Amino acid sequence: MEPNYAEIGARIRAQREFLGLSRETFAEQIGITPKFCSDIELGLKGMSLPTLCRISRSIHLSTDFLLFGEEPGEASGSIALMLSQCSDRRRKYAEEILKIFLLAEEK
């Protein structure tokens, strides 16, 4: 099975933007050029395993999710279930809290 680079790139870009990272800042964090970062996000190029691991750590997503769009295990399922039961307003608050938590974890 060939990896779908466009889908992988879209997942990376969506999370980078969710975390409020510019492409330049993100590229610097993971040790690549902004142009290569753009190519990855657009699905034009693949990446090495070390780069994939740095991306995963930097944006707090598992490599499984980045590659396949799925998270194994109960934790992601239970979080998704809780969020699905929230109103749109409460879901937005939950996303902001999670974003603050993930960004604070880096410091």
PDB file of N, CA and C in Angstrom:
ATOM      1  N   MET A   1       0.846  -1.187   0.000  1.00  0.00           N
ATOM      2  CA  MET A   1       0.000   0.000   0.000  1.00  0.00           C
ATOM      3  C   MET A   1       0.890   1.249   0.000  1.00  0.00           C
ATOM      4  N   GLU A   2       0.653   2.098  -0.957  1.00  0.00           N
ATOM      5  CA  GLU A   2       1.409   3.340  -1.063  1.00  0.00           C
ATOM      6  C   GLU A   2       0.844   4.391  -0.100  1.00  0.00           C
ATOM      7  N   PRO A   3       1.723   5.151   0.538  1.00  0.00           N
ATOM      8  CA  PRO A   3       1.219   6.225   1.405  1.00  0.00           C
ATOM      9  C   PRO A   3       0.538   7.310   0.572  1.00  0.00           C
ATOM     10  N   ASN A   4      -0.500   7.888   1.121  1.00  0.00           N
ATOM     11  CA  ASN A   4      -1.183   8.995   0.459  1.00  0.00           C
ATOM     12  C   ASN A   4      -0.582  10.293   0.997  1.00  0.00           C
ATOM     13  N   TYR A   5       0.410  10.803   0.277  1.00  0.00           N
ATOM     14  CA  TYR A   5       1.143  11.969   0.750  1.00  0.00           C
ATOM     15  C   TYR A   5       0.266  13.209   0.906  1.00  0.00           C
ATOM     16  N   ALA A   6      -0.749  13.349   0.076  1.00  0.00           N
ATOM     17  CA  ALA A   6      -1.640  14.513   0.175  1.00  0.00           C
ATOM     18  C   ALA A   6      -2.424  14.467   1.488  1.00  0.00           C
ATOM     19  N   GLU A   7      -2.918  13.298   1.862  1.00  0.00           N
ATOM     20  CA  GLU A   7      -3.663  13.166   3.125  1.00  0.00           C
ATOM     21  C   GLU A   7      -2.747  13.347   4.323  1.00  0.00           C
ATOM     22  N   ILE A   8      -1.547  12.778   4.257  1.00  0.00           N
ATOM     23  CA  ILE A   8      -0.576  12.944   5.346  1.00  0.00           C
ATOM     24  C   ILE A   8      -0.255  14.423   5.518  1.00  0.00           C
ATOM     25  N   GLY A   9       0.033  15.093   4.412  1.00  0.00           N
ATOM     26  CA  GLY A   9       0.345  16.519   4.460  1.00  0.00           C
ATOM     27  C   GLY A   9      -0.796  17.350   4.997  1.00  0.00           C
ATOM     28  N   ALA A  10      -2.020  16.990   4.622  1.00  0.00           N
ATOM     29  CA  ALA A  10      -3.194  17.735   5.107  1.00  0.00           C
ATOM     30  C   ALA A  10      -3.345  17.586   6.618  1.00  0.00           C
ATOM     31  N   ARG A  11      -3.079  16.388   7.143  1.00  0.00           N
ATOM     32  CA  ARG A  11      -3.170  16.188   8.601  1.00  0.00           C
ATOM     33  C   ARG A  11      -2.099  16.999   9.321  1.00  0.00           C
ATOM     34  N   ILE A  12      -0.898  17.035   8.758  1.00  0.00           N
ATOM     35  CA  ILE A  12       0.187  17.813   9.361  1.00  0.00           C
ATOM     36  C   ILE A  12      -0.157  19.296   9.349  1.00  0.00           C
ATOM     37  N   ARG A  13      -0.604  19.787   8.204  1.00  0.00           N
ATOM     38  CA  ARG A  13      -0.929  21.214   8.097  1.00  0.00           C
ATOM     39  C   ARG A  13      -2.072  21.602   9.045  1.00  0.00           C
ATOM     40  N   ALA A  14      -3.107  20.784   9.103  1.00  0.00           N
ATOM     41  CA  ALA A  14      -4.253  21.105   9.970  1.00  0.00           C
ATOM     42  C   ALA A  14      -3.820  21.226  11.428  1.00  0.00           C
ATOM     43  N   GLN A  15      -2.967  20.314  11.880  1.00  0.00           N
ATOM     44  CA  GLN A  15      -2.524  20.367  13.272  1.00  0.00           C
ATOM     45  C   GLN A  15      -1.563  21.527  13.503  1.00  0.00           C
ATOM     46  N   ARG A  16      -0.684  21.789  12.549  1.00  0.00           N
ATOM     47  CA  ARG A  16       0.225  22.932  12.674  1.00  0.00           C
ATOM     48  C   ARG A  16      -0.567  24.219  12.813  1.00  0.00           C
ATOM     49  N   GLU A  17      -1.571  24.380  11.967  1.00  0.00           N
ATOM     50  CA  GLU A  17      -2.403  25.583  12.023  1.00  0.00           C
ATOM     51  C   GLU A  17      -3.218  25.634  13.303  1.00  0.00           C
ATOM     52  N   PHE A  18      -3.738  24.484  13.745  1.00  0.00           N
ATOM     53  CA  PHE A  18      -4.493  24.434  14.995  1.00  0.00           C
ATOM     54  C   PHE A  18      -3.625  24.906  16.160  1.00  0.00           C
ATOM     55  N   LEU A  19      -2.353  24.529  16.146  1.00  0.00           N
ATOM     56  CA  LEU A  19      -1.439  24.925  17.216  1.00  0.00           C
ATOM     57  C   LEU A  19      -0.931  26.352  17.058  1.00  0.00           C
ATOM     58  N   GLY A  20      -1.308  27.006  15.955  1.00  0.00           N
ATOM     59  CA  GLY A  20      -0.927  28.401  15.746  1.00  0.00           C
ATOM     60  C   GLY A  20       0.522  28.580  15.322  1.00  0.00           C
ATOM     61  N   LEU A  21       1.108  27.546  14.720  1.00  0.00           N
ATOM     62  CA  LEU A  21       2.495  27.632  14.279  1.00  0.00           C
ATOM     63  C   LEU A  21       2.561  28.094  12.827  1.00  0.00           C
ATOM     64  N   SER A  22       3.431  29.051  12.564  1.00  0.00           N
ATOM     65  CA  SER A  22       3.670  29.430  11.165  1.00  0.00           C
ATOM     66  C   SER A  22       4.469  28.310  10.512  1.00  0.00           C
ATOM     67  N   ARG A  23       4.426  28.246   9.210  1.00  0.00           N
ATOM     68  CA  ARG A  23       5.198  27.226   8.498  1.00  0.00           C
ATOM     69  C   ARG A  23       6.694  27.406   8.780  1.00  0.00           C
ATOM     70  N   GLU A  24       7.145  28.640   8.865  1.00  0.00           N
ATOM     71  CA  GLU A  24       8.559  28.914   9.101  1.00  0.00           C
ATOM     72  C   GLU A  24       8.990  28.437  10.492  1.00  0.00           C
ATOM     73  N   THR A  25       8.187  28.745  11.501  1.00  0.00           N
ATOM     74  CA  THR A  25       8.500  28.317  12.864  1.00  0.00           C
ATOM     75  C   THR A  25       8.493  26.800  12.971  1.00  0.00           C
ATOM     76  N   PHE A  26       7.481  26.183  12.390  1.00  0.00           N
ATOM     77  CA  PHE A  26       7.368  24.728  12.410  1.00  0.00           C
ATOM     78  C   PHE A  26       8.566  24.086  11.716  1.00  0.00           C
ATOM     79  N   ALA A  27       8.920  24.590  10.541  1.00  0.00           N
ATOM     80  CA  ALA A  27      10.051  24.045   9.790  1.00  0.00           C
ATOM     81  C   ALA A  27      11.340  24.148  10.609  1.00  0.00           C
ATOM     82  N   GLU A  28      11.522  25.264  11.276  1.00  0.00           N
ATOM     83  CA  GLU A  28      12.707  25.449  12.108  1.00  0.00           C
ATOM     84  C   GLU A  28      12.719  24.442  13.266  1.00  0.00           C
ATOM     85  N   GLN A  29      11.565  24.215  13.882  1.00  0.00           N
ATOM     86  CA  GLN A  29      11.470  23.266  14.999  1.00  0.00           C
ATOM     87  C   GLN A  29      11.873  21.856  14.579  1.00  0.00           C
ATOM     88  N   ILE A  30      11.530  21.468  13.363  1.00  0.00           N
ATOM     89  CA  ILE A  30      11.780  20.090  12.939  1.00  0.00           C
ATOM     90  C   ILE A  30      13.017  19.944  12.052  1.00  0.00           C
ATOM     91  N   GLY A  31      13.713  21.054  11.822  1.00  0.00           N
ATOM     92  CA  GLY A  31      14.989  20.994  11.124  1.00  0.00           C
ATOM     93  C   GLY A  31      14.908  20.822   9.612  1.00  0.00           C
ATOM     94  N   ILE A  32      13.887  21.427   9.001  1.00  0.00           N
ATOM     95  CA  ILE A  32      13.776  21.392   7.536  1.00  0.00           C
ATOM     96  C   ILE A  32      13.529  22.811   7.039  1.00  0.00           C
ATOM     97  N   THR A  33      13.597  22.997   5.731  1.00  0.00           N
ATOM     98  CA  THR A  33      13.342  24.323   5.166  1.00  0.00           C
ATOM     99  C   THR A  33      11.827  24.555   5.054  1.00  0.00           C
ATOM    100  N   PRO A  34      11.399  25.808   5.080  1.00  0.00           N
ATOM    101  CA  PRO A  34       9.970  26.089   4.878  1.00  0.00           C
ATOM    102  C   PRO A  34       9.461  25.564   3.533  1.00  0.00           C
ATOM    103  N   LYS A  35      10.294  25.584   2.497  1.00  0.00           N
ATOM    104  CA  LYS A  35       9.885  25.060   1.187  1.00  0.00           C
ATOM    105  C   LYS A  35       9.617  23.562   1.261  1.00  0.00           C
ATOM    106  N   PHE A  36      10.497  22.809   1.915  1.00  0.00           N
ATOM    107  CA  PHE A  36      10.291  21.369   2.058  1.00  0.00           C
ATOM    108  C   PHE A  36       9.047  21.103   2.904  1.00  0.00           C
ATOM    109  N   CYS A  37       8.842  21.911   3.933  1.00  0.00           N
ATOM    110  CA  CYS A  37       7.641  21.794   4.763  1.00  0.00           C
ATOM    111  C   CYS A  37       6.399  21.996   3.900  1.00  0.00           C
ATOM    112  N   SER A  38       6.420  22.997   3.049  1.00  0.00           N
ATOM    113  CA  SER A  38       5.302  23.258   2.143  1.00  0.00           C
ATOM    114  C   SER A  38       5.067  22.066   1.221  1.00  0.00           C
ATOM    115  N   ASP A  39       6.145  21.513   0.675  1.00  0.00           N
ATOM    116  CA  ASP A  39       6.026  20.356  -0.215  1.00  0.00           C
ATOM    117  C   ASP A  39       5.418  19.154   0.503  1.00  0.00           C
ATOM    118  N   ILE A  40       5.797  18.953   1.769  1.00  0.00           N
ATOM    119  CA  ILE A  40       5.219  17.851   2.559  1.00  0.00           C
ATOM    120  C   ILE A  40       3.727  18.100   2.769  1.00  0.00           C
ATOM    121  N   GLU A  41       3.388  19.310   3.205  1.00  0.00           N
ATOM    122  CA  GLU A  41       1.986  19.625   3.488  1.00  0.00           C
ATOM    123  C   GLU A  41       1.103  19.542   2.242  1.00  0.00           C
ATOM    124  N   LEU A  42       1.657  19.844   1.091  1.00  0.00           N
ATOM    125  CA  LEU A  42       0.894  19.764  -0.156  1.00  0.00           C
ATOM    126  C   LEU A  42       0.886  18.359  -0.753  1.00  0.00           C
ATOM    127  N   GLY A  43       1.642  17.452  -0.136  1.00  0.00           N
ATOM    128  CA  GLY A  43       1.699  16.079  -0.633  1.00  0.00           C
ATOM    129  C   GLY A  43       2.590  15.901  -1.841  1.00  0.00           C
ATOM    130  N   LEU A  44       3.458  16.875  -2.097  1.00  0.00           N
ATOM    131  CA  LEU A  44       4.334  16.804  -3.255  1.00  0.00           C
ATOM    132  C   LEU A  44       5.558  15.939  -2.990  1.00  0.00           C
ATOM    133  N   LYS A  45       5.960  15.838  -1.717  1.00  0.00           N
ATOM    134  CA  LYS A  45       7.135  15.056  -1.346  1.00  0.00           C
ATOM    135  C   LYS A  45       6.851  14.261  -0.084  1.00  0.00           C
ATOM    136  N   GLY A  46       7.528  13.138   0.027  1.00  0.00           N
ATOM    137  CA  GLY A  46       7.500  12.355   1.254  1.00  0.00           C
ATOM    138  C   GLY A  46       8.600  12.836   2.178  1.00  0.00           C
ATOM    139  N   MET A  47       8.769  12.142   3.286  1.00  0.00           N
ATOM    140  CA  MET A  47       9.780  12.543   4.255  1.00  0.00           C
ATOM    141  C   MET A  47      10.472  11.316   4.806  1.00  0.00           C
ATOM    142  N   SER A  48      11.626  11.515   5.387  1.00  0.00           N
ATOM    143  CA  SER A  48      12.357  10.419   6.007  1.00  0.00           C
ATOM    144  C   SER A  48      11.693  10.039   7.324  1.00  0.00           C
ATOM    145  N   LEU A  49      12.039   8.881   7.813  1.00  0.00           N
ATOM    146  CA  LEU A  49      11.514   8.431   9.100  1.00  0.00           C
ATOM    147  C   LEU A  49      11.921   9.371  10.236  1.00  0.00           C
ATOM    148  N   PRO A  50      13.180   9.824  10.306  1.00  0.00           N
ATOM    149  CA  PRO A  50      13.529  10.785  11.361  1.00  0.00           C
ATOM    150  C   PRO A  50      12.712  12.081  11.283  1.00  0.00           C
ATOM    151  N   THR A  51      12.459  12.561  10.061  1.00  0.00           N
ATOM    152  CA  THR A  51      11.645  13.779   9.915  1.00  0.00           C
ATOM    153  C   THR A  51      10.216  13.519  10.374  1.00  0.00           C
ATOM    154  N   LEU A  52       9.654  12.378  10.007  1.00  0.00           N
ATOM    155  CA  LEU A  52       8.307  12.018  10.458  1.00  0.00           C
ATOM    156  C   LEU A  52       8.240  12.002  11.982  1.00  0.00           C
ATOM    157  N   CYS A  53       9.241  11.436  12.624  1.00  0.00           N
ATOM    158  CA  CYS A  53       9.260  11.378  14.093  1.00  0.00           C
ATOM    159  C   CYS A  53       9.352  12.769  14.704  1.00  0.00           C
ATOM    160  N   ARG A  54      10.171  13.650  14.121  1.00  0.00           N
ATOM    161  CA  ARG A  54      10.265  15.023  14.635  1.00  0.00           C
ATOM    162  C   ARG A  54       8.941  15.761  14.459  1.00  0.00           C
ATOM    163  N   ILE A  55       8.283  15.555  13.327  1.00  0.00           N
ATOM    164  CA  ILE A  55       6.976  16.173  13.090  1.00  0.00           C
ATOM    165  C   ILE A  55       5.985  15.684  14.132  1.00  0.00           C
ATOM    166  N   SER A  56       5.949  14.393  14.341  1.00  0.00           N
ATOM    167  CA  SER A  56       5.026  13.783  15.295  1.00  0.00           C
ATOM    168  C   SER A  56       5.188  14.393  16.687  1.00  0.00           C
ATOM    169  N   ARG A  57       6.431  14.477  17.147  1.00  0.00           N
ATOM    170  CA  ARG A  57       6.689  15.047  18.482  1.00  0.00           C
ATOM    171  C   ARG A  57       6.325  16.523  18.532  1.00  0.00           C
ATOM    172  N   SER A  58       6.653  17.250  17.485  1.00  0.00           N
ATOM    173  CA  SER A  58       6.442  18.693  17.480  1.00  0.00           C
ATOM    174  C   SER A  58       4.966  19.080  17.513  1.00  0.00           C
ATOM    175  N   ILE A  59       4.123  18.331  16.800  1.00  0.00           N
ATOM    176  CA  ILE A  59       2.703  18.708  16.736  1.00  0.00           C
ATOM    177  C   ILE A  59       1.802  17.772  17.550  1.00  0.00           C
ATOM    178  N   HIS A  60       2.428  16.913  18.351  1.00  0.00           N
ATOM    179  CA  HIS A  60       1.688  16.086  19.313  1.00  0.00           C
ATOM    180  C   HIS A  60       0.667  15.156  18.670  1.00  0.00           C
ATOM    181  N   LEU A  61       1.045  14.549  17.557  1.00  0.00           N
ATOM    182  CA  LEU A  61       0.205  13.544  16.914  1.00  0.00           C
ATOM    183  C   LEU A  61       1.036  12.290  16.706  1.00  0.00           C
ATOM    184  N   SER A  62       0.418  11.138  16.868  1.00  0.00           N
ATOM    185  CA  SER A  62       1.150   9.890  16.674  1.00  0.00           C
ATOM    186  C   SER A  62       1.495   9.701  15.203  1.00  0.00           C
ATOM    187  N   THR A  63       2.542   8.945  14.967  1.00  0.00           N
ATOM    188  CA  THR A  63       2.907   8.627  13.591  1.00  0.00           C
ATOM    189  C   THR A  63       1.810   7.807  12.923  1.00  0.00           C
ATOM    190  N   ASP A  64       1.121   6.954  13.693  1.00  0.00           N
ATOM    191  CA  ASP A  64      -0.006   6.190  13.138  1.00  0.00           C
ATOM    192  C   ASP A  64      -1.067   7.135  12.584  1.00  0.00           C
ATOM    193  N   PHE A  65      -1.409   8.154  13.369  1.00  0.00           N
ATOM    194  CA  PHE A  65      -2.424   9.093  12.898  1.00  0.00           C
ATOM    195  C   PHE A  65      -1.932   9.860  11.681  1.00  0.00           C
ATOM    196  N   LEU A  66      -0.685  10.312  11.719  1.00  0.00           N
ATOM    197  CA  LEU A  66      -0.163  11.061  10.572  1.00  0.00           C
ATOM    198  C   LEU A  66      -0.185  10.222   9.306  1.00  0.00           C
ATOM    199  N   LEU A  67       0.218   8.962   9.413  1.00  0.00           N
ATOM    200  CA  LEU A  67       0.303   8.099   8.232  1.00  0.00           C
ATOM    201  C   LEU A  67      -1.041   7.558   7.775  1.00  0.00           C
ATOM    202  N   PHE A  68      -1.892   7.174   8.729  1.00  0.00           N
ATOM    203  CA  PHE A  68      -3.113   6.447   8.370  1.00  0.00           C
ATOM    204  C   PHE A  68      -4.411   7.166   8.716  1.00  0.00           C
ATOM    205  N   GLY A  69      -4.325   8.245   9.493  1.00  0.00           N
ATOM    206  CA  GLY A  69      -5.523   8.981   9.852  1.00  0.00           C
ATOM    207  C   GLY A  69      -6.346   8.319  10.938  1.00  0.00           C
ATOM    208  N   GLU A  70      -5.765   7.342  11.629  1.00  0.00           N
ATOM    209  CA  GLU A  70      -6.483   6.623  12.678  1.00  0.00           C
ATOM    210  C   GLU A  70      -5.616   6.548  13.916  1.00  0.00           C
ATOM    211  N   GLU A  71      -6.262   6.573  15.056  1.00  0.00           N
ATOM    212  CA  GLU A  71      -5.571   6.397  16.325  1.00  0.00           C
ATOM    213  C   GLU A  71      -6.046   5.098  16.943  1.00  0.00           C
ATOM    214  N   PRO A  72      -5.153   4.171  17.192  1.00  0.00           N
ATOM    215  CA  PRO A  72      -5.578   2.953  17.881  1.00  0.00           C
ATOM    216  C   PRO A  72      -5.799   3.214  19.361  1.00  0.00           C
ATOM    217  N   GLY A  73      -6.575   2.384  20.008  1.00  0.00           N
ATOM    218  CA  GLY A  73      -6.727   2.451  21.454  1.00  0.00           C
ATOM    219  C   GLY A  73      -7.940   3.221  21.909  1.00  0.00           C
ATOM    220  N   GLU A  74      -8.221   3.078  23.184  1.00  0.00           N
ATOM    221  CA  GLU A  74      -9.416   3.668  23.775  1.00  0.00           C
ATOM    222  C   GLU A  74      -9.290   5.154  24.049  1.00  0.00           C
ATOM    223  N   ALA A  75      -8.091   5.633  24.340  1.00  0.00           N
ATOM    224  CA  ALA A  75      -7.953   7.028  24.755  1.00  0.00           C
ATOM    225  C   ALA A  75      -8.513   7.982  23.711  1.00  0.00           C
ATOM    226  N   SER A  76      -8.121   7.811  22.456  1.00  0.00           N
ATOM    227  CA  SER A  76      -8.614   8.727  21.431  1.00  0.00           C
ATOM    228  C   SER A  76     -10.105   8.557  21.238  1.00  0.00           C
ATOM    229  N   GLY A  77     -10.600   7.331  21.361  1.00  0.00           N
ATOM    230  CA  GLY A  77     -12.029   7.088  21.223  1.00  0.00           C
ATOM    231  C   GLY A  77     -12.839   7.741  22.320  1.00  0.00           C
ATOM    232  N   SER A  78     -12.341   7.664  23.550  1.00  0.00           N
ATOM    233  CA  SER A  78     -13.089   8.260  24.655  1.00  0.00           C
ATOM    234  C   SER A  78     -13.096   9.781  24.570  1.00  0.00           C
ATOM    235  N   ILE A  79     -11.996  10.353  24.139  1.00  0.00           N
ATOM    236  CA  ILE A  79     -11.945  11.808  23.978  1.00  0.00           C
ATOM    237  C   ILE A  79     -12.904  12.234  22.871  1.00  0.00           C
ATOM    238  N   ALA A  80     -12.874  11.527  21.764  1.00  0.00           N
ATOM    239  CA  ALA A  80     -13.775  11.848  20.652  1.00  0.00           C
ATOM    240  C   ALA A  80     -15.229  11.713  21.089  1.00  0.00           C
ATOM    241  N   LEU A  81     -15.530  10.690  21.871  1.00  0.00           N
ATOM    242  CA  LEU A  81     -16.900  10.494  22.356  1.00  0.00           C
ATOM    243  C   LEU A  81     -17.328  11.659  23.241  1.00  0.00           C
ATOM    244  N   MET A  82     -16.461  12.067  24.156  1.00  0.00           N
ATOM    245  CA  MET A  82     -16.796  13.195  25.033  1.00  0.00           C
ATOM    246  C   MET A  82     -17.033  14.465  24.223  1.00  0.00           C
ATOM    247  N   LEU A  83     -16.156  14.710  23.249  1.00  0.00           N
ATOM    248  CA  LEU A  83     -16.305  15.920  22.437  1.00  0.00           C
ATOM    249  C   LEU A  83     -17.569  15.874  21.587  1.00  0.00           C
ATOM    250  N   SER A  84     -17.930  14.683  21.119  1.00  0.00           N
ATOM    251  CA  SER A  84     -19.131  14.570  20.287  1.00  0.00           C
ATOM    252  C   SER A  84     -20.397  14.874  21.082  1.00  0.00           C
ATOM    253  N   GLN A  85     -20.328  14.763  22.383  1.00  0.00           N
ATOM    254  CA  GLN A  85     -21.490  15.014  23.226  1.00  0.00           C
ATOM    255  C   GLN A  85     -21.558  16.459  23.708  1.00  0.00           C
ATOM    256  N   CYS A  86     -20.583  17.265  23.326  1.00  0.00           N
ATOM    257  CA  CYS A  86     -20.552  18.674  23.732  1.00  0.00           C
ATOM    258  C   CYS A  86     -21.279  19.534  22.708  1.00  0.00           C
ATOM    259  N   SER A  87     -21.769  20.657  23.199  1.00  0.00           N
ATOM    260  CA  SER A  87     -22.313  21.659  22.282  1.00  0.00           C
ATOM    261  C   SER A  87     -21.148  22.264  21.502  1.00  0.00           C
ATOM    262  N   ASP A  88     -21.456  22.947  20.404  1.00  0.00           N
ATOM    263  CA  ASP A  88     -20.401  23.583  19.610  1.00  0.00           C
ATOM    264  C   ASP A  88     -19.587  24.553  20.461  1.00  0.00           C
ATOM    265  N   ARG A  89     -20.259  25.297  21.316  1.00  0.00           N
ATOM    266  CA  ARG A  89     -19.596  26.273  22.179  1.00  0.00           C
ATOM    267  C   ARG A  89     -18.628  25.582  23.141  1.00  0.00           C
ATOM    268  N   ARG A  90     -19.092  24.521  23.796  1.00  0.00           N
ATOM    269  CA  ARG A  90     -18.245  23.796  24.752  1.00  0.00           C
ATOM    270  C   ARG A  90     -17.105  23.077  24.030  1.00  0.00           C
ATOM    271  N   ARG A  91     -17.349  22.580  22.831  1.00  0.00           N
ATOM    272  CA  ARG A  91     -16.301  21.911  22.069  1.00  0.00           C
ATOM    273  C   ARG A  91     -15.185  22.896  21.733  1.00  0.00           C
ATOM    274  N   LYS A  92     -15.559  24.122  21.384  1.00  0.00           N
ATOM    275  CA  LYS A  92     -14.550  25.149  21.087  1.00  0.00           C
ATOM    276  C   LYS A  92     -13.712  25.435  22.327  1.00  0.00           C
ATOM    277  N   TYR A  93     -14.342  25.535  23.497  1.00  0.00           N
ATOM    278  CA  TYR A  93     -13.595  25.738  24.742  1.00  0.00           C
ATOM    279  C   TYR A  93     -12.650  24.568  25.009  1.00  0.00           C
ATOM    280  N   ALA A  94     -13.136  23.355  24.791  1.00  0.00           N
ATOM    281  CA  ALA A  94     -12.306  22.163  25.012  1.00  0.00           C
ATOM    282  C   ALA A  94     -11.096  22.176  24.088  1.00  0.00           C
ATOM    283  N   GLU A  95     -11.288  22.565  22.842  1.00  0.00           N
ATOM    284  CA  GLU A  95     -10.173  22.642  21.894  1.00  0.00           C
ATOM    285  C   GLU A  95      -9.145  23.671  22.355  1.00  0.00           C
ATOM    286  N   GLU A  96      -9.610  24.810  22.849  1.00  0.00           N
ATOM    287  CA  GLU A  96      -8.689  25.849  23.322  1.00  0.00           C
ATOM    288  C   GLU A  96      -7.917  25.373  24.547  1.00  0.00           C
ATOM    289  N   ILE A  97      -8.596  24.685  25.462  1.00  0.00           N
ATOM    290  CA  ILE A  97      -7.924  24.152  26.654  1.00  0.00           C
ATOM    291  C   ILE A  97      -6.862  23.135  26.245  1.00  0.00           C
ATOM    292  N   LEU A  98      -7.210  22.245  25.331  1.00  0.00           N
ATOM    293  CA  LEU A  98      -6.255  21.245  24.866  1.00  0.00           C
ATOM    294  C   LEU A  98      -5.064  21.909  24.173  1.00  0.00           C
ATOM    295  N   LYS A  99      -5.333  22.925  23.397  1.00  0.00           N
ATOM    296  CA  LYS A  99      -4.260  23.651  22.707  1.00  0.00           C
ATOM    297  C   LYS A  99      -3.312  24.275  23.720  1.00  0.00           C
ATOM    298  N   ILE A 100      -3.838  24.909  24.754  1.00  0.00           N
ATOM    299  CA  ILE A 100      -3.002  25.521  25.808  1.00  0.00           C
ATOM    300  C   ILE A 100      -2.190  24.448  26.514  1.00  0.00           C
ATOM    301  N   PHE A 101      -2.827  23.328  26.825  1.00  0.00           N
ATOM    302  CA  PHE A 101      -2.138  22.215  27.489  1.00  0.00           C
ATOM    303  C   PHE A 101      -0.981  21.701  26.646  1.00  0.00           C
ATOM    304  N   LEU A 102      -1.213  21.496  25.344  1.00  0.00           N
ATOM    305  CA  LEU A 102      -0.164  20.958  24.478  1.00  0.00           C
ATOM    306  C   LEU A 102       0.985  21.941  24.313  1.00  0.00           C
ATOM    307  N   LEU A 103       0.675  23.211  24.219  1.00  0.00           N
ATOM    308  CA  LEU A 103       1.734  24.214  24.058  1.00  0.00           C
ATOM    309  C   LEU A 103       2.511  24.389  25.359  1.00  0.00           C
ATOM    310  N   ALA A 104       1.861  24.290  26.518  1.00  0.00           N
ATOM    311  CA  ALA A 104       2.522  24.416  27.802  1.00  0.00           C
ATOM    312  C   ALA A 104       3.440  23.223  28.064  1.00  0.00           C
ATOM    313  N   GLU A 105       3.095  22.076  27.524  1.00  0.00           N
ATOM    314  CA  GLU A 105       3.887  20.862  27.718  1.00  0.00           C
ATOM    315  C   GLU A 105       5.278  21.013  27.117  1.00  0.00           C
ATOM    316  N   GLU A 106       5.427  21.853  26.101  1.00  0.00           N
ATOM    317  CA  GLU A 106       6.711  22.051  25.426  1.00  0.00           C
ATOM    318  C   GLU A 106       7.683  22.864  26.264  1.00  0.00           C
ATOM    319  N   LYS A 107       7.182  23.660  27.170  1.00  0.00           N
ATOM    320  CA  LYS A 107       8.051  24.613  27.909  1.00  0.00           C
ATOM    321  C   LYS A 107       8.707  23.966  29.091  1.00  0.00           C
TER     322      LYS A 107
END
